Amino acid sequence: MRVIKLTALWCPSCIIMNKIFDDINKEYNFEVISYDYDFDNDEVSKYNIGKILPVFIFLKDNKEVLRIIGEKDKQEFINLIKEV
């Protein structure tokens, strides 16, 4: 599964979620493509993410199967992943 990770350097929730996501990804080993909200405008605009960060978009066979928006605790994040 591929994950599009959309974050920003100035975003406190992004900093927290980067650590949580990195821990989770050690187990799941997703292919991750990261974009910065401020520096990758062309790519970020393709995903219609709005103003709440971070955003994690999970793709299976190049189709979106899950979108996680905002700050979540580790177990909640894992539970959402397990649903797909």
PDB file of N, CA and C in Angstrom:
ATOM      1  N   MET A   1       0.856  -1.173   0.000  1.00  0.00           N
ATOM      2  CA  MET A   1       0.000   0.000   0.000  1.00  0.00           C
ATOM      3  C   MET A   1       0.894   1.225   0.000  1.00  0.00           C
ATOM      4  N   ARG A   2       0.474   2.252  -0.686  1.00  0.00           N
ATOM      5  CA  ARG A   2       1.197   3.514  -0.766  1.00  0.00           C
ATOM      6  C   ARG A   2       0.487   4.559   0.099  1.00  0.00           C
ATOM      7  N   VAL A   3       1.282   5.437   0.729  1.00  0.00           N
ATOM      8  CA  VAL A   3       0.727   6.497   1.549  1.00  0.00           C
ATOM      9  C   VAL A   3       1.280   7.832   1.063  1.00  0.00           C
ATOM     10  N   ILE A   4       0.363   8.759   0.797  1.00  0.00           N
ATOM     11  CA  ILE A   4       0.730  10.139   0.505  1.00  0.00           C
ATOM     12  C   ILE A   4       0.636  10.884   1.827  1.00  0.00           C
ATOM     13  N   LYS A   5       1.750  11.434   2.265  1.00  0.00           N
ATOM     14  CA  LYS A   5       1.806  12.133   3.558  1.00  0.00           C
ATOM     15  C   LYS A   5       1.963  13.625   3.288  1.00  0.00           C
ATOM     16  N   LEU A   6       0.981  14.408   3.752  1.00  0.00           N
ATOM     17  CA  LEU A   6       0.968  15.846   3.535  1.00  0.00           C
ATOM     18  C   LEU A   6       1.096  16.559   4.882  1.00  0.00           C
ATOM     19  N   THR A   7       2.208  17.251   5.064  1.00  0.00           N
ATOM     20  CA  THR A   7       2.502  17.904   6.335  1.00  0.00           C
ATOM     21  C   THR A   7       3.083  19.296   6.075  1.00  0.00           C
ATOM     22  N   ALA A   8       3.378  19.999   7.171  1.00  0.00           N
ATOM     23  CA  ALA A   8       4.043  21.306   7.078  1.00  0.00           C
ATOM     24  C   ALA A   8       5.032  21.426   8.231  1.00  0.00           C
ATOM     25  N   LEU A   9       6.126  22.110   7.979  1.00  0.00           N
ATOM     26  CA  LEU A   9       7.164  22.279   8.996  1.00  0.00           C
ATOM     27  C   LEU A   9       6.661  23.012  10.237  1.00  0.00           C
ATOM     28  N   TRP A  10       5.726  23.938  10.072  1.00  0.00           N
ATOM     29  CA  TRP A  10       5.245  24.791  11.160  1.00  0.00           C
ATOM     30  C   TRP A  10       4.105  24.154  11.962  1.00  0.00           C
ATOM     31  N   CYS A  11       3.653  22.996  11.562  1.00  0.00           N
ATOM     32  CA  CYS A  11       2.437  22.382  12.104  1.00  0.00           C
ATOM     33  C   CYS A  11       2.757  21.479  13.309  1.00  0.00           C
ATOM     34  N   PRO A  12       2.335  21.854  14.535  1.00  0.00           N
ATOM     35  CA  PRO A  12       2.603  21.022  15.712  1.00  0.00           C
ATOM     36  C   PRO A  12       1.996  19.619  15.603  1.00  0.00           C
ATOM     37  N   SER A  13       0.791  19.508  15.073  1.00  0.00           N
ATOM     38  CA  SER A  13       0.166  18.186  14.912  1.00  0.00           C
ATOM     39  C   SER A  13       0.950  17.318  13.930  1.00  0.00           C
ATOM     40  N   CYS A  14       1.535  17.951  12.924  1.00  0.00           N
ATOM     41  CA  CYS A  14       2.343  17.205  11.947  1.00  0.00           C
ATOM     42  C   CYS A  14       3.583  16.621  12.606  1.00  0.00           C
ATOM     43  N   ILE A  15       4.207  17.390  13.477  1.00  0.00           N
ATOM     44  CA  ILE A  15       5.402  16.923  14.179  1.00  0.00           C
ATOM     45  C   ILE A  15       5.061  15.709  15.036  1.00  0.00           C
ATOM     46  N   ILE A  16       3.962  15.793  15.756  1.00  0.00           N
ATOM     47  CA  ILE A  16       3.514  14.674  16.594  1.00  0.00           C
ATOM     48  C   ILE A  16       3.184  13.456  15.736  1.00  0.00           C
ATOM     49  N   MET A  17       2.434  13.677  14.664  1.00  0.00           N
ATOM     50  CA  MET A  17       1.988  12.569  13.827  1.00  0.00           C
ATOM     51  C   MET A  17       3.130  11.952  13.016  1.00  0.00           C
ATOM     52  N   ASN A  18       4.142  12.723  12.672  1.00  0.00           N
ATOM     53  CA  ASN A  18       5.292  12.153  11.962  1.00  0.00           C
ATOM     54  C   ASN A  18       5.934  11.055  12.801  1.00  0.00           C
ATOM     55  N   LYS A  19       6.094  11.297  14.081  1.00  0.00           N
ATOM     56  CA  LYS A  19       6.685  10.299  14.983  1.00  0.00           C
ATOM     57  C   LYS A  19       5.781   9.068  15.077  1.00  0.00           C
ATOM     58  N   ILE A  20       4.494   9.295  15.280  1.00  0.00           N
ATOM     59  CA  ILE A  20       3.543   8.179  15.377  1.00  0.00           C
ATOM     60  C   ILE A  20       3.524   7.381  14.079  1.00  0.00           C
ATOM     61  N   PHE A  21       3.459   8.077  12.949  1.00  0.00           N
ATOM     62  CA  PHE A  21       3.424   7.390  11.659  1.00  0.00           C
ATOM     63  C   PHE A  21       4.713   6.606  11.419  1.00  0.00           C
ATOM     64  N   ASP A  22       5.852   7.190  11.752  1.00  0.00           N
ATOM     65  CA  ASP A  22       7.122   6.475  11.574  1.00  0.00           C
ATOM     66  C   ASP A  22       7.154   5.193  12.393  1.00  0.00           C
ATOM     67  N   ASP A  23       6.654   5.243  13.628  1.00  0.00           N
ATOM     68  CA  ASP A  23       6.582   4.043  14.464  1.00  0.00           C
ATOM     69  C   ASP A  23       5.680   2.980  13.840  1.00  0.00           C
ATOM     70  N   ILE A  24       4.532   3.397  13.356  1.00  0.00           N
ATOM     71  CA  ILE A  24       3.581   2.469  12.730  1.00  0.00           C
ATOM     72  C   ILE A  24       4.172   1.897  11.442  1.00  0.00           C
ATOM     73  N   ASN A  25       4.843   2.736  10.685  1.00  0.00           N
ATOM     74  CA  ASN A  25       5.375   2.290   9.399  1.00  0.00           C
ATOM     75  C   ASN A  25       6.507   1.274   9.550  1.00  0.00           C
ATOM     76  N   LYS A  26       7.153   1.230  10.702  1.00  0.00           N
ATOM     77  CA  LYS A  26       8.165   0.194  10.946  1.00  0.00           C
ATOM     78  C   LYS A  26       7.534  -1.189  10.892  1.00  0.00           C
ATOM     79  N   GLU A  27       6.277  -1.276  11.315  1.00  0.00           N
ATOM     80  CA  GLU A  27       5.559  -2.546  11.286  1.00  0.00           C
ATOM     81  C   GLU A  27       4.935  -2.827   9.922  1.00  0.00           C
ATOM     82  N   TYR A  28       4.329  -1.806   9.313  1.00  0.00           N
ATOM     83  CA  TYR A  28       3.563  -2.007   8.084  1.00  0.00           C
ATOM     84  C   TYR A  28       4.382  -1.829   6.815  1.00  0.00           C
ATOM     85  N   ASN A  29       5.450  -1.060   6.877  1.00  0.00           N
ATOM     86  CA  ASN A  29       6.349  -0.844   5.751  1.00  0.00           C
ATOM     87  C   ASN A  29       5.626  -0.335   4.489  1.00  0.00           C
ATOM     88  N   PHE A  30       4.883   0.755   4.636  1.00  0.00           N
ATOM     89  CA  PHE A  30       4.208   1.390   3.503  1.00  0.00           C
ATOM     90  C   PHE A  30       5.220   2.078   2.600  1.00  0.00           C
ATOM     91  N   GLU A  31       4.874   2.184   1.347  1.00  0.00           N
ATOM     92  CA  GLU A  31       5.631   3.051   0.443  1.00  0.00           C
ATOM     93  C   GLU A  31       5.107   4.467   0.706  1.00  0.00           C
ATOM     94  N   VAL A  32       5.976   5.376   1.113  1.00  0.00           N
ATOM     95  CA  VAL A  32       5.545   6.706   1.541  1.00  0.00           C
ATOM     96  C   VAL A  32       6.064   7.771   0.580  1.00  0.00           C
ATOM     97  N   ILE A  33       5.142   8.644   0.173  1.00  0.00           N
ATOM     98  CA  ILE A  33       5.491   9.816  -0.612  1.00  0.00           C
ATOM     99  C   ILE A  33       5.088  11.023   0.221  1.00  0.00           C
ATOM    100  N   SER A  34       6.063  11.857   0.561  1.00  0.00           N
ATOM    101  CA  SER A  34       5.808  13.000   1.455  1.00  0.00           C
ATOM    102  C   SER A  34       5.834  14.309   0.678  1.00  0.00           C
ATOM    103  N   TYR A  35       4.875  15.174   1.029  1.00  0.00           N
ATOM    104  CA  TYR A  35       4.832  16.517   0.460  1.00  0.00           C
ATOM    105  C   TYR A  35       4.670  17.524   1.579  1.00  0.00           C
ATOM    106  N   ASP A  36       5.304  18.666   1.410  1.00  0.00           N
ATOM    107  CA  ASP A  36       5.174  19.765   2.358  1.00  0.00           C
ATOM    108  C   ASP A  36       4.118  20.740   1.843  1.00  0.00           C
ATOM    109  N   TYR A  37       3.202  21.102   2.710  1.00  0.00           N
ATOM    110  CA  TYR A  37       2.081  21.979   2.373  1.00  0.00           C
ATOM    111  C   TYR A  37       2.547  23.295   1.744  1.00  0.00           C
ATOM    112  N   ASP A  38       3.669  23.822   2.209  1.00  0.00           N
ATOM    113  CA  ASP A  38       4.140  25.131   1.737  1.00  0.00           C
ATOM    114  C   ASP A  38       5.073  25.051   0.535  1.00  0.00           C
ATOM    115  N   PHE A  39       5.792  23.966   0.379  1.00  0.00           N
ATOM    116  CA  PHE A  39       6.817  23.892  -0.656  1.00  0.00           C
ATOM    117  C   PHE A  39       6.424  23.069  -1.875  1.00  0.00           C
ATOM    118  N   ASP A  40       5.428  22.233  -1.761  1.00  0.00           N
ATOM    119  CA  ASP A  40       5.020  21.362  -2.864  1.00  0.00           C
ATOM    120  C   ASP A  40       3.595  21.681  -3.313  1.00  0.00           C
ATOM    121  N   ASN A  41       3.350  22.946  -3.579  1.00  0.00           N
ATOM    122  CA  ASN A  41       1.993  23.425  -3.885  1.00  0.00           C
ATOM    123  C   ASN A  41       1.322  22.677  -5.030  1.00  0.00           C
ATOM    124  N   ASP A  42       2.050  22.405  -6.101  1.00  0.00           N
ATOM    125  CA  ASP A  42       1.449  21.726  -7.248  1.00  0.00           C
ATOM    126  C   ASP A  42       0.965  20.330  -6.884  1.00  0.00           C
ATOM    127  N   GLU A  43       1.772  19.597  -6.133  1.00  0.00           N
ATOM    128  CA  GLU A  43       1.386  18.248  -5.731  1.00  0.00           C
ATOM    129  C   GLU A  43       0.270  18.281  -4.686  1.00  0.00           C
ATOM    130  N   VAL A  44       0.400  19.143  -3.698  1.00  0.00           N
ATOM    131  CA  VAL A  44      -0.592  19.233  -2.624  1.00  0.00           C
ATOM    132  C   VAL A  44      -1.966  19.582  -3.187  1.00  0.00           C
ATOM    133  N   SER A  45      -2.013  20.474  -4.156  1.00  0.00           N
ATOM    134  CA  SER A  45      -3.305  20.906  -4.711  1.00  0.00           C
ATOM    135  C   SER A  45      -4.055  19.763  -5.390  1.00  0.00           C
ATOM    136  N   LYS A  46      -3.370  18.729  -5.804  1.00  0.00           N
ATOM    137  CA  LYS A  46      -4.024  17.575  -6.453  1.00  0.00           C
ATOM    138  C   LYS A  46      -4.916  16.788  -5.501  1.00  0.00           C
ATOM    139  N   TYR A  47      -4.686  16.945  -4.196  1.00  0.00           N
ATOM    140  CA  TYR A  47      -5.359  16.088  -3.218  1.00  0.00           C
ATOM    141  C   TYR A  47      -6.492  16.771  -2.449  1.00  0.00           C
ATOM    142  N   ASN A  48      -6.797  18.030  -2.750  1.00  0.00           N
ATOM    143  CA  ASN A  48      -7.923  18.729  -2.124  1.00  0.00           C
ATOM    144  C   ASN A  48      -7.957  18.522  -0.615  1.00  0.00           C
ATOM    145  N   ILE A  49      -6.900  18.937   0.061  1.00  0.00           N
ATOM    146  CA  ILE A  49      -6.795  18.614   1.479  1.00  0.00           C
ATOM    147  C   ILE A  49      -7.384  19.642   2.424  1.00  0.00           C
ATOM    148  N   GLY A  50      -7.641  20.830   1.982  1.00  0.00           N
ATOM    149  CA  GLY A  50      -8.193  21.836   2.889  1.00  0.00           C
ATOM    150  C   GLY A  50      -7.132  22.397   3.805  1.00  0.00           C
ATOM    151  N   LYS A  51      -7.539  22.827   5.000  1.00  0.00           N
ATOM    152  CA  LYS A  51      -6.637  23.540   5.906  1.00  0.00           C
ATOM    153  C   LYS A  51      -6.168  22.714   7.106  1.00  0.00           C
ATOM    154  N   ILE A  52      -6.731  21.540   7.320  1.00  0.00           N
ATOM    155  CA  ILE A  52      -6.359  20.748   8.495  1.00  0.00           C
ATOM    156  C   ILE A  52      -5.235  19.787   8.121  1.00  0.00           C
ATOM    157  N   LEU A  53      -4.164  19.851   8.889  1.00  0.00           N
ATOM    158  CA  LEU A  53      -3.001  19.000   8.680  1.00  0.00           C
ATOM    159  C   LEU A  53      -2.730  18.206   9.943  1.00  0.00           C
ATOM    160  N   PRO A  54      -2.017  17.126   9.830  1.00  0.00           N
ATOM    161  CA  PRO A  54      -1.533  16.457   8.631  1.00  0.00           C
ATOM    162  C   PRO A  54      -2.637  15.647   7.949  1.00  0.00           C
ATOM    163  N   VAL A  55      -2.331  15.218   6.725  1.00  0.00           N
ATOM    164  CA  VAL A  55      -3.242  14.356   5.987  1.00  0.00           C
ATOM    165  C   VAL A  55      -2.437  13.150   5.488  1.00  0.00           C
ATOM    166  N   PHE A  56      -2.972  11.972   5.721  1.00  0.00           N
ATOM    167  CA  PHE A  56      -2.374  10.729   5.246  1.00  0.00           C
ATOM    168  C   PHE A  56      -3.396  10.075   4.322  1.00  0.00           C
ATOM    169  N   ILE A  57      -3.026   9.914   3.061  1.00  0.00           N
ATOM    170  CA  ILE A  57      -3.919   9.321   2.067  1.00  0.00           C
ATOM    171  C   ILE A  57      -3.360   7.948   1.705  1.00  0.00           C
ATOM    172  N   PHE A  58      -4.139   6.914   1.956  1.00  0.00           N
ATOM    173  CA  PHE A  58      -3.720   5.543   1.692  1.00  0.00           C
ATOM    174  C   PHE A  58      -4.282   5.103   0.344  1.00  0.00           C
ATOM    175  N   LEU A  59      -3.405   4.596  -0.507  1.00  0.00           N
ATOM    176  CA  LEU A  59      -3.784   4.168  -1.842  1.00  0.00           C
ATOM    177  C   LEU A  59      -3.525   2.679  -2.008  1.00  0.00           C
ATOM    178  N   LYS A  60      -4.479   2.008  -2.602  1.00  0.00           N
ATOM    179  CA  LYS A  60      -4.320   0.602  -2.970  1.00  0.00           C
ATOM    180  C   LYS A  60      -4.688   0.496  -4.438  1.00  0.00           C
ATOM    181  N   ASP A  61      -3.791  -0.038  -5.244  1.00  0.00           N
ATOM    182  CA  ASP A  61      -3.980  -0.101  -6.697  1.00  0.00           C
ATOM    183  C   ASP A  61      -4.266   1.297  -7.251  1.00  0.00           C
ATOM    184  N   ASN A  62      -3.555   2.291  -6.728  1.00  0.00           N
ATOM    185  CA  ASN A  62      -3.662   3.702  -7.131  1.00  0.00           C
ATOM    186  C   ASN A  62      -5.036   4.322  -6.891  1.00  0.00           C
ATOM    187  N   LYS A  63      -5.830   3.732  -6.010  1.00  0.00           N
ATOM    188  CA  LYS A  63      -7.132   4.294  -5.646  1.00  0.00           C
ATOM    189  C   LYS A  63      -7.132   4.577  -4.152  1.00  0.00           C
ATOM    190  N   GLU A  64      -7.683   5.732  -3.796  1.00  0.00           N
ATOM    191  CA  GLU A  64      -7.745   6.090  -2.380  1.00  0.00           C
ATOM    192  C   GLU A  64      -8.696   5.169  -1.635  1.00  0.00           C
ATOM    193  N   VAL A  65      -8.169   4.577  -0.552  1.00  0.00           N
ATOM    194  CA  VAL A  65      -8.983   3.684   0.265  1.00  0.00           C
ATOM    195  C   VAL A  65      -9.175   4.223   1.686  1.00  0.00           C
ATOM    196  N   LEU A  66      -8.361   5.207   2.070  1.00  0.00           N
ATOM    197  CA  LEU A  66      -8.455   5.767   3.417  1.00  0.00           C
ATOM    198  C   LEU A  66      -7.790   7.124   3.432  1.00  0.00           C
ATOM    199  N   ARG A  67      -8.405   8.062   4.154  1.00  0.00           N
ATOM    200  CA  ARG A  67      -7.828   9.387   4.359  1.00  0.00           C
ATOM    201  C   ARG A  67      -7.914   9.692   5.847  1.00  0.00           C
ATOM    202  N   ILE A  68      -6.759   9.894   6.476  1.00  0.00           N
ATOM    203  CA  ILE A  68      -6.699  10.242   7.887  1.00  0.00           C
ATOM    204  C   ILE A  68      -6.275  11.702   7.975  1.00  0.00           C
ATOM    205  N   ILE A  69      -7.116  12.497   8.636  1.00  0.00           N
ATOM    206  CA  ILE A  69      -6.896  13.940   8.713  1.00  0.00           C
ATOM    207  C   ILE A  69      -6.733  14.348  10.169  1.00  0.00           C
ATOM    208  N   GLY A  70      -5.702  15.139  10.423  1.00  0.00           N
ATOM    209  CA  GLY A  70      -5.505  15.683  11.754  1.00  0.00           C
ATOM    210  C   GLY A  70      -4.772  14.735  12.681  1.00  0.00           C
ATOM    211  N   GLU A  71      -4.690  15.146  13.935  1.00  0.00           N
ATOM    212  CA  GLU A  71      -3.936  14.410  14.939  1.00  0.00           C
ATOM    213  C   GLU A  71      -4.762  13.259  15.511  1.00  0.00           C
ATOM    214  N   LYS A  72      -4.161  12.085  15.572  1.00  0.00           N
ATOM    215  CA  LYS A  72      -4.791  10.894  16.140  1.00  0.00           C
ATOM    216  C   LYS A  72      -3.789  10.244  17.080  1.00  0.00           C
ATOM    217  N   ASP A  73      -4.282   9.473  18.054  1.00  0.00           N
ATOM    218  CA  ASP A  73      -3.322   8.724  18.863  1.00  0.00           C
ATOM    219  C   ASP A  73      -2.939   7.469  18.079  1.00  0.00           C
ATOM    220  N   LYS A  74      -1.880   6.819  18.519  1.00  0.00           N
ATOM    221  CA  LYS A  74      -1.315   5.694  17.770  1.00  0.00           C
ATOM    222  C   LYS A  74      -2.322   4.569  17.576  1.00  0.00           C
ATOM    223  N   GLN A  75      -3.044   4.203  18.623  1.00  0.00           N
ATOM    224  CA  GLN A  75      -3.985   3.089  18.504  1.00  0.00           C
ATOM    225  C   GLN A  75      -5.141   3.423  17.563  1.00  0.00           C
ATOM    226  N   GLU A  76      -5.633   4.640  17.630  1.00  0.00           N
ATOM    227  CA  GLU A  76      -6.707   5.054  16.719  1.00  0.00           C
ATOM    228  C   GLU A  76      -6.224   4.994  15.269  1.00  0.00           C
ATOM    229  N   PHE A  77      -5.011   5.443  15.027  1.00  0.00           N
ATOM    230  CA  PHE A  77      -4.419   5.410  13.689  1.00  0.00           C
ATOM    231  C   PHE A  77      -4.320   3.967  13.197  1.00  0.00           C
ATOM    232  N   ILE A  78      -3.826   3.079  14.039  1.00  0.00           N
ATOM    233  CA  ILE A  78      -3.707   1.660  13.678  1.00  0.00           C
ATOM    234  C   ILE A  78      -5.080   1.054  13.394  1.00  0.00           C
ATOM    235  N   ASN A  79      -6.072   1.376  14.217  1.00  0.00           N
ATOM    236  CA  ASN A  79      -7.421   0.845  14.016  1.00  0.00           C
ATOM    237  C   ASN A  79      -7.989   1.277  12.662  1.00  0.00           C
ATOM    238  N   LEU A  80      -7.749   2.522  12.283  1.00  0.00           N
ATOM    239  CA  LEU A  80      -8.229   3.005  10.979  1.00  0.00           C
ATOM    240  C   LEU A  80      -7.559   2.249   9.829  1.00  0.00           C
ATOM    241  N   ILE A  81      -6.266   2.003   9.967  1.00  0.00           N
ATOM    242  CA  ILE A  81      -5.531   1.259   8.937  1.00  0.00           C
ATOM    243  C   ILE A  81      -6.068  -0.158   8.815  1.00  0.00           C
ATOM    244  N   LYS A  82      -6.344  -0.790   9.946  1.00  0.00           N
ATOM    245  CA  LYS A  82      -6.808  -2.171   9.945  1.00  0.00           C
ATOM    246  C   LYS A  82      -8.167  -2.321   9.258  1.00  0.00           C
ATOM    247  N   GLU A  83      -8.949  -1.245   9.220  1.00  0.00           N
ATOM    248  CA  GLU A  83     -10.257  -1.302   8.563  1.00  0.00           C
ATOM    249  C   GLU A  83     -10.129  -1.514   7.067  1.00  0.00           C
ATOM    250  N   VAL A  84      -8.999  -1.105   6.500  1.00  0.00           N
ATOM    251  CA  VAL A  84      -8.809  -1.287   5.056  1.00  0.00           C
ATOM    252  C   VAL A  84      -7.806  -2.380   4.816  1.00  0.00           C
TER     253      VAL A  84
END
